[in-house]
Amino acid sequence: MLAGLALILALVLVNLLPVNPYFDIVLADWRQGRYLHFNGLSQWLAWV
């Protein structure tokens, strides 16, 4: 019951709080290669 209440509270906070002001900056600085490196790492970990 406590986990369910925590989930509901988190959903309410996510929907009510303002958008992160740094999100646009991070999105502008994002490079495709970072995701590809993470993808390669996750595939390697899955293989291990």
C-alpha atoms as a PDB file:
ATOM      1  CA  MET A   1       0.000   0.000   0.000  1.00  0.00           C
ATOM      2  CA  LEU A   2       2.880   2.325   0.831  1.00  0.00           C
ATOM      3  CA  ALA A   3       4.516   1.654  -2.547  1.00  0.00           C
ATOM      4  CA  GLY A   4       1.248   2.405  -4.327  1.00  0.00           C
ATOM      5  CA  LEU A   5       0.882   5.711  -2.486  1.00  0.00           C
ATOM      6  CA  ALA A   6       4.487   6.606  -3.301  1.00  0.00           C
ATOM      7  CA  LEU A   7       3.834   5.857  -6.978  1.00  0.00           C
ATOM      8  CA  ILE A   8       0.705   8.018  -7.007  1.00  0.00           C
ATOM      9  CA  LEU A   9       2.560  10.846  -5.251  1.00  0.00           C
ATOM     10  CA  ALA A  10       5.411  10.630  -7.762  1.00  0.00           C
ATOM     11  CA  LEU A  11       2.976  10.750 -10.688  1.00  0.00           C
ATOM     12  CA  VAL A  12       1.223  13.782  -9.228  1.00  0.00           C
ATOM     13  CA  LEU A  13       4.514  15.596  -8.640  1.00  0.00           C
ATOM     14  CA  VAL A  14       5.802  14.824 -12.136  1.00  0.00           C
ATOM     15  CA  ASN A  15       2.626  16.219 -13.681  1.00  0.00           C
ATOM     16  CA  LEU A  16       2.383  19.313 -11.468  1.00  0.00           C
ATOM     17  CA  LEU A  17       5.980  20.485 -11.198  1.00  0.00           C
ATOM     18  CA  PRO A  18       7.312  22.805 -13.916  1.00  0.00           C
ATOM     19  CA  VAL A  19       9.531  21.530 -16.706  1.00  0.00           C
ATOM     20  CA  ASN A  20      13.239  21.290 -15.937  1.00  0.00           C
ATOM     21  CA  PRO A  21      14.834  24.509 -17.244  1.00  0.00           C
ATOM     22  CA  TYR A  22      18.065  22.679 -18.081  1.00  0.00           C
ATOM     23  CA  PHE A  23      16.334  20.061 -20.262  1.00  0.00           C
ATOM     24  CA  ASP A  24      16.698  22.145 -23.453  1.00  0.00           C
ATOM     25  CA  ILE A  25      20.393  22.732 -22.762  1.00  0.00           C
ATOM     26  CA  VAL A  26      21.053  19.032 -22.187  1.00  0.00           C
ATOM     27  CA  LEU A  27      19.034  18.110 -25.266  1.00  0.00           C
ATOM     28  CA  ALA A  28      20.994  20.590 -27.414  1.00  0.00           C
ATOM     29  CA  ASP A  29      24.316  19.161 -26.163  1.00  0.00           C
ATOM     30  CA  TRP A  30      23.264  15.514 -26.654  1.00  0.00           C
ATOM     31  CA  ARG A  31      25.196  13.574 -29.262  1.00  0.00           C
ATOM     32  CA  GLN A  32      24.118  10.401 -31.025  1.00  0.00           C
ATOM     33  CA  GLY A  33      27.355   8.639 -30.136  1.00  0.00           C
ATOM     34  CA  ARG A  34      26.636   8.720 -26.422  1.00  0.00           C
ATOM     35  CA  TYR A  35      23.546   6.593 -26.907  1.00  0.00           C
ATOM     36  CA  LEU A  36      25.419   4.219 -29.169  1.00  0.00           C
ATOM     37  CA  HIS A  37      28.139   3.758 -26.561  1.00  0.00           C
ATOM     38  CA  PHE A  38      25.496   3.064 -23.924  1.00  0.00           C
ATOM     39  CA  ASN A  39      23.794   0.628 -26.282  1.00  0.00           C
ATOM     40  CA  GLY A  40      27.059  -1.211 -26.855  1.00  0.00           C
ATOM     41  CA  LEU A  41      27.713  -1.353 -23.111  1.00  0.00           C
ATOM     42  CA  SER A  42      24.249  -2.764 -22.402  1.00  0.00           C
ATOM     43  CA  GLN A  43      24.694  -5.413 -25.112  1.00  0.00           C
ATOM     44  CA  TRP A  44      28.072  -6.367 -23.670  1.00  0.00           C
ATOM     45  CA  LEU A  45      26.599  -6.630 -20.163  1.00  0.00           C
ATOM     46  CA  ALA A  46      23.742  -8.764 -21.493  1.00  0.00           C
ATOM     47  CA  TRP A  47      26.265 -11.067 -23.144  1.00  0.00           C
ATOM     48  CA  VAL A  48      28.266 -11.382 -19.919  1.00  0.00           C
END
